[in-house]
Amino acid sequence: MIRGVGDPLIAAYARCYLCRVGVLVAPSIRDHLMPCFHDLLLTFTSQIGTETVQTALTVQRTSVPHYLVLYAPALDWVLSCLAHNASETLLDSVLQVCLLLVGRSIGRSID
């Protein structure tokens, strides 16, 4: 359901809430955490440069660097939930996802 949220910043915090409630309700079940993290990064990297987001930033008189800072707590929370008692294998896969998505994002900005 979160994938249908149009504003990437609101979607990021909705994912935080999903992680929080999931950990509270069923602490041993962690299957939802990696998809939340992956979707947060994918939404972030694919939508930040869109015309819709740029227009919203202009209307709100917000700079891109200031807007990006607003993502930090959401990313921090999802990563904290994901890394808590995680195996080394899971942490390696998190790192690989980050490197893959950041590499794609950098490649798009160079083109």
N, C-alpha and C. Protein backbone atom coordinates (compact mmCIF):
# COMPACT_ATOMS: atom_id res chain seq x y z
N MET A 1 0.80 -1.20 0.00
CA MET A 1 0.00 0.00 0.00
C MET A 1 0.85 1.26 0.00
N ILE A 2 2.00 1.22 0.60
CA ILE A 2 2.84 2.40 0.66
C ILE A 2 3.36 2.75 -0.72
N ARG A 3 3.48 1.78 -1.58
CA ARG A 3 3.98 2.04 -2.93
C ARG A 3 3.05 2.96 -3.71
N GLY A 4 1.83 3.15 -3.26
CA GLY A 4 0.89 4.02 -3.94
C GLY A 4 0.93 5.47 -3.46
N VAL A 5 1.74 5.76 -2.45
CA VAL A 5 1.83 7.12 -1.92
C VAL A 5 2.65 7.95 -2.90
N GLY A 6 2.09 9.05 -3.37
CA GLY A 6 2.72 9.84 -4.42
C GLY A 6 3.89 10.70 -3.98
N ASP A 7 3.86 11.21 -2.78
CA ASP A 7 4.94 12.08 -2.29
C ASP A 7 6.04 11.20 -1.71
N PRO A 8 7.26 11.27 -2.26
CA PRO A 8 8.32 10.38 -1.79
C PRO A 8 8.70 10.59 -0.33
N LEU A 9 8.60 11.80 0.18
CA LEU A 9 8.93 12.06 1.58
C LEU A 9 7.88 11.46 2.51
N ILE A 10 6.63 11.62 2.16
CA ILE A 10 5.55 11.02 2.96
C ILE A 10 5.65 9.51 2.91
N ALA A 11 5.97 8.96 1.75
CA ALA A 11 6.14 7.51 1.62
C ALA A 11 7.29 7.01 2.51
N ALA A 12 8.36 7.78 2.60
CA ALA A 12 9.50 7.39 3.44
C ALA A 12 9.07 7.27 4.90
N TYR A 13 8.31 8.25 5.38
CA TYR A 13 7.88 8.20 6.78
C TYR A 13 6.78 7.18 7.00
N ALA A 14 5.98 6.88 6.00
CA ALA A 14 5.00 5.79 6.11
C ALA A 14 5.74 4.46 6.25
N ARG A 15 6.86 4.31 5.55
CA ARG A 15 7.67 3.10 5.68
C ARG A 15 8.27 3.00 7.09
N CYS A 16 8.67 4.13 7.63
CA CYS A 16 9.17 4.14 9.03
C CYS A 16 8.09 3.62 9.97
N TYR A 17 6.90 4.10 9.78
CA TYR A 17 5.79 3.68 10.64
C TYR A 17 5.53 2.18 10.48
N LEU A 18 5.57 1.70 9.26
CA LEU A 18 5.38 0.27 9.02
C LEU A 18 6.45 -0.55 9.73
N CYS A 19 7.70 -0.09 9.66
CA CYS A 19 8.79 -0.78 10.35
C CYS A 19 8.56 -0.77 11.85
N ARG A 20 8.19 0.37 12.38
CA ARG A 20 7.98 0.51 13.83
C ARG A 20 6.87 -0.40 14.32
N VAL A 21 5.73 -0.37 13.65
CA VAL A 21 4.60 -1.19 14.07
C VAL A 21 4.91 -2.66 13.88
N GLY A 22 5.57 -3.00 12.80
CA GLY A 22 5.93 -4.39 12.57
C GLY A 22 6.83 -4.95 13.65
N VAL A 23 7.80 -4.15 14.07
CA VAL A 23 8.72 -4.58 15.13
C VAL A 23 7.99 -4.67 16.47
N LEU A 24 7.04 -3.78 16.73
CA LEU A 24 6.29 -3.82 17.98
C LEU A 24 5.34 -5.01 18.04
N VAL A 25 4.66 -5.28 16.94
CA VAL A 25 3.66 -6.34 16.91
C VAL A 25 4.30 -7.73 16.87
N ALA A 26 5.31 -7.88 16.05
CA ALA A 26 5.96 -9.19 15.88
C ALA A 26 7.47 -9.00 15.76
N PRO A 27 8.17 -8.84 16.88
CA PRO A 27 9.61 -8.54 16.84
C PRO A 27 10.45 -9.61 16.14
N SER A 28 9.99 -10.83 16.14
CA SER A 28 10.79 -11.89 15.51
C SER A 28 10.61 -11.95 14.00
N ILE A 29 9.57 -11.33 13.48
CA ILE A 29 9.32 -11.34 12.04
C ILE A 29 9.93 -10.09 11.44
N ARG A 30 10.87 -10.29 10.52
CA ARG A 30 11.61 -9.17 9.95
C ARG A 30 11.50 -9.11 8.43
N ASP A 31 10.59 -9.90 7.88
CA ASP A 31 10.48 -9.99 6.42
C ASP A 31 10.09 -8.68 5.75
N HIS A 32 9.44 -7.80 6.46
CA HIS A 32 8.98 -6.53 5.89
C HIS A 32 10.06 -5.46 5.86
N LEU A 33 11.14 -5.65 6.60
CA LEU A 33 12.14 -4.58 6.75
C LEU A 33 12.97 -4.35 5.49
N MET A 34 13.45 -5.41 4.87
CA MET A 34 14.28 -5.23 3.67
C MET A 34 13.47 -4.63 2.51
N PRO A 35 12.25 -5.09 2.26
CA PRO A 35 11.46 -4.43 1.21
C PRO A 35 11.21 -2.95 1.51
N CYS A 36 10.97 -2.61 2.78
CA CYS A 36 10.78 -1.19 3.13
C CYS A 36 12.04 -0.39 2.82
N PHE A 37 13.19 -0.93 3.19
CA PHE A 37 14.45 -0.25 2.94
C PHE A 37 14.70 -0.09 1.44
N HIS A 38 14.51 -1.17 0.71
CA HIS A 38 14.74 -1.15 -0.74
C HIS A 38 13.80 -0.15 -1.41
N ASP A 39 12.53 -0.18 -1.04
CA ASP A 39 11.56 0.74 -1.64
C ASP A 39 11.86 2.19 -1.28
N LEU A 40 12.32 2.43 -0.05
CA LEU A 40 12.68 3.78 0.34
C LEU A 40 13.81 4.31 -0.55
N LEU A 41 14.84 3.50 -0.73
CA LEU A 41 15.96 3.93 -1.58
C LEU A 41 15.54 4.08 -3.03
N LEU A 42 14.75 3.15 -3.52
CA LEU A 42 14.32 3.20 -4.91
C LEU A 42 13.45 4.44 -5.17
N THR A 43 12.53 4.71 -4.28
CA THR A 43 11.67 5.88 -4.42
C THR A 43 12.51 7.15 -4.36
N PHE A 44 13.43 7.18 -3.41
CA PHE A 44 14.30 8.34 -3.24
C PHE A 44 15.12 8.60 -4.50
N THR A 45 15.77 7.57 -5.02
CA THR A 45 16.66 7.77 -6.16
C THR A 45 15.90 8.00 -7.46
N SER A 46 14.69 7.48 -7.57
CA SER A 46 13.98 7.62 -8.84
C SER A 46 13.08 8.85 -8.91
N GLN A 47 12.68 9.42 -7.77
CA GLN A 47 11.71 10.50 -7.81
C GLN A 47 12.26 11.87 -7.46
N ILE A 48 13.43 11.94 -6.87
CA ILE A 48 13.96 13.24 -6.44
C ILE A 48 14.12 14.21 -7.61
N GLY A 49 14.56 13.72 -8.74
CA GLY A 49 14.80 14.59 -9.88
C GLY A 49 13.60 14.82 -10.77
N THR A 50 12.44 14.28 -10.41
CA THR A 50 11.28 14.42 -11.27
C THR A 50 10.75 15.84 -11.25
N GLU A 51 10.03 16.17 -12.29
CA GLU A 51 9.46 17.51 -12.42
C GLU A 51 8.46 17.79 -11.31
N THR A 52 7.71 16.76 -10.91
CA THR A 52 6.72 16.93 -9.85
C THR A 52 7.37 17.36 -8.54
N VAL A 53 8.44 16.68 -8.16
CA VAL A 53 9.13 17.02 -6.91
C VAL A 53 9.79 18.39 -7.04
N GLN A 54 10.41 18.66 -8.17
CA GLN A 54 11.06 19.96 -8.36
C GLN A 54 10.05 21.10 -8.30
N THR A 55 8.88 20.90 -8.87
CA THR A 55 7.82 21.91 -8.83
C THR A 55 7.35 22.12 -7.39
N ALA A 56 7.18 21.02 -6.65
CA ALA A 56 6.75 21.14 -5.25
C ALA A 56 7.79 21.90 -4.43
N LEU A 57 9.06 21.65 -4.69
CA LEU A 57 10.11 22.35 -3.97
C LEU A 57 10.09 23.85 -4.29
N THR A 58 9.83 24.18 -5.54
CA THR A 58 9.76 25.58 -5.94
C THR A 58 8.58 26.27 -5.27
N VAL A 59 7.44 25.62 -5.28
CA VAL A 59 6.24 26.19 -4.65
C VAL A 59 6.47 26.38 -3.15
N GLN A 60 7.14 25.44 -2.52
CA GLN A 60 7.37 25.51 -1.07
C GLN A 60 8.61 26.33 -0.71
N ARG A 61 9.28 26.83 -1.74
CA ARG A 61 10.50 27.63 -1.55
C ARG A 61 11.53 26.88 -0.70
N THR A 62 11.74 25.64 -1.08
CA THR A 62 12.69 24.78 -0.38
C THR A 62 13.78 24.37 -1.34
N SER A 63 15.00 24.39 -0.87
CA SER A 63 16.12 23.96 -1.71
C SER A 63 16.22 22.44 -1.69
N VAL A 64 16.85 21.90 -2.70
CA VAL A 64 17.04 20.45 -2.78
C VAL A 64 17.87 19.94 -1.59
N PRO A 65 18.98 20.59 -1.23
CA PRO A 65 19.74 20.09 -0.07
C PRO A 65 18.90 20.06 1.22
N HIS A 66 18.07 21.08 1.44
CA HIS A 66 17.22 21.10 2.63
C HIS A 66 16.20 19.96 2.56
N TYR A 67 15.63 19.73 1.41
CA TYR A 67 14.66 18.65 1.22
C TYR A 67 15.31 17.30 1.49
N LEU A 68 16.52 17.11 1.02
CA LEU A 68 17.21 15.84 1.20
C LEU A 68 17.50 15.56 2.67
N VAL A 69 17.77 16.60 3.44
CA VAL A 69 18.03 16.44 4.87
C VAL A 69 16.81 15.85 5.58
N LEU A 70 15.63 16.13 5.07
CA LEU A 70 14.40 15.62 5.68
C LEU A 70 14.29 14.10 5.59
N TYR A 71 15.02 13.49 4.68
CA TYR A 71 15.02 12.03 4.53
C TYR A 71 15.89 11.33 5.56
N ALA A 72 16.85 12.02 6.13
CA ALA A 72 17.83 11.38 7.00
C ALA A 72 17.21 10.63 8.18
N PRO A 73 16.28 11.21 8.94
CA PRO A 73 15.71 10.45 10.05
C PRO A 73 14.95 9.20 9.59
N ALA A 74 14.27 9.29 8.46
CA ALA A 74 13.53 8.13 7.96
C ALA A 74 14.49 7.01 7.57
N LEU A 75 15.52 7.36 6.85
CA LEU A 75 16.52 6.37 6.44
C LEU A 75 17.21 5.78 7.66
N ASP A 76 17.53 6.63 8.62
CA ASP A 76 18.19 6.18 9.85
C ASP A 76 17.32 5.17 10.60
N TRP A 77 16.04 5.46 10.71
CA TRP A 77 15.14 4.58 11.45
C TRP A 77 15.00 3.22 10.76
N VAL A 78 14.78 3.25 9.45
CA VAL A 78 14.61 1.98 8.72
C VAL A 78 15.89 1.16 8.79
N LEU A 79 17.03 1.81 8.65
CA LEU A 79 18.30 1.10 8.76
C LEU A 79 18.53 0.56 10.18
N SER A 80 18.14 1.31 11.19
CA SER A 80 18.28 0.84 12.57
C SER A 80 17.43 -0.40 12.81
N CYS A 81 16.21 -0.39 12.33
CA CYS A 81 15.35 -1.56 12.47
C CYS A 81 15.93 -2.75 11.72
N LEU A 82 16.42 -2.50 10.55
CA LEU A 82 16.97 -3.56 9.71
C LEU A 82 18.25 -4.14 10.31
N ALA A 83 19.10 -3.30 10.86
CA ALA A 83 20.39 -3.75 11.35
C ALA A 83 20.34 -4.36 12.75
N HIS A 84 19.28 -4.09 13.49
CA HIS A 84 19.17 -4.61 14.86
C HIS A 84 19.19 -6.15 14.85
N ASN A 85 20.20 -6.72 15.47
CA ASN A 85 20.38 -8.18 15.55
C ASN A 85 20.44 -8.86 14.18
N ALA A 86 20.87 -8.14 13.17
CA ALA A 86 20.93 -8.69 11.81
C ALA A 86 22.20 -9.52 11.62
N SER A 87 22.11 -10.45 10.72
CA SER A 87 23.27 -11.28 10.40
C SER A 87 24.22 -10.49 9.51
N GLU A 88 25.44 -10.96 9.45
CA GLU A 88 26.42 -10.31 8.58
C GLU A 88 26.01 -10.42 7.12
N THR A 89 25.37 -11.51 6.77
CA THR A 89 24.90 -11.71 5.40
C THR A 89 23.85 -10.65 5.03
N LEU A 90 22.92 -10.40 5.94
CA LEU A 90 21.90 -9.39 5.68
C LEU A 90 22.52 -8.00 5.55
N LEU A 91 23.47 -7.69 6.42
CA LEU A 91 24.13 -6.39 6.34
C LEU A 91 24.92 -6.24 5.05
N ASP A 92 25.53 -7.32 4.58
CA ASP A 92 26.22 -7.29 3.28
C ASP A 92 25.23 -7.03 2.15
N SER A 93 24.05 -7.64 2.22
CA SER A 93 23.07 -7.43 1.16
C SER A 93 22.54 -5.99 1.19
N VAL A 94 22.41 -5.41 2.38
CA VAL A 94 22.00 -4.01 2.49
C VAL A 94 23.03 -3.12 1.82
N LEU A 95 24.29 -3.39 2.09
CA LEU A 95 25.36 -2.61 1.48
C LEU A 95 25.35 -2.75 -0.05
N GLN A 96 25.11 -3.94 -0.55
CA GLN A 96 25.06 -4.15 -1.99
C GLN A 96 23.91 -3.39 -2.63
N VAL A 97 22.76 -3.39 -1.97
CA VAL A 97 21.60 -2.64 -2.49
C VAL A 97 21.94 -1.15 -2.55
N CYS A 98 22.57 -0.65 -1.49
CA CYS A 98 22.95 0.77 -1.46
C CYS A 98 23.90 1.09 -2.61
N LEU A 99 24.92 0.28 -2.78
CA LEU A 99 25.90 0.53 -3.83
C LEU A 99 25.27 0.46 -5.21
N LEU A 100 24.37 -0.48 -5.41
CA LEU A 100 23.71 -0.63 -6.70
C LEU A 100 22.83 0.58 -7.01
N LEU A 101 21.99 0.98 -6.08
CA LEU A 101 21.08 2.09 -6.32
C LEU A 101 21.81 3.43 -6.41
N VAL A 102 22.81 3.62 -5.57
CA VAL A 102 23.58 4.86 -5.65
C VAL A 102 24.35 4.92 -6.96
N GLY A 103 24.89 3.80 -7.40
CA GLY A 103 25.59 3.76 -8.67
C GLY A 103 24.68 4.10 -9.83
N ARG A 104 23.46 3.59 -9.80
CA ARG A 104 22.48 3.92 -10.85
C ARG A 104 22.14 5.40 -10.82
N SER A 105 21.96 5.92 -9.64
CA SER A 105 21.61 7.33 -9.48
C SER A 105 22.71 8.23 -10.00
N ILE A 106 23.95 7.90 -9.67
CA ILE A 106 25.08 8.69 -10.15
C ILE A 106 25.18 8.58 -11.67
N GLY A 107 24.97 7.41 -12.21
CA GLY A 107 25.01 7.22 -13.66
C GLY A 107 23.95 8.04 -14.37
N ARG A 108 22.77 8.13 -13.77
CA ARG A 108 21.70 8.93 -14.37
C ARG A 108 22.02 10.41 -14.35
N SER A 109 22.68 10.87 -13.28
CA SER A 109 22.97 12.30 -13.18
C SER A 109 24.10 12.70 -14.14
N ILE A 110 24.95 11.75 -14.52
CA ILE A 110 26.04 12.04 -15.45
C ILE A 110 25.51 12.11 -16.88
N ASP A 111 24.52 11.28 -17.19
CA ASP A 111 23.97 11.23 -18.57
C ASP A 111 23.36 12.51 -19.01
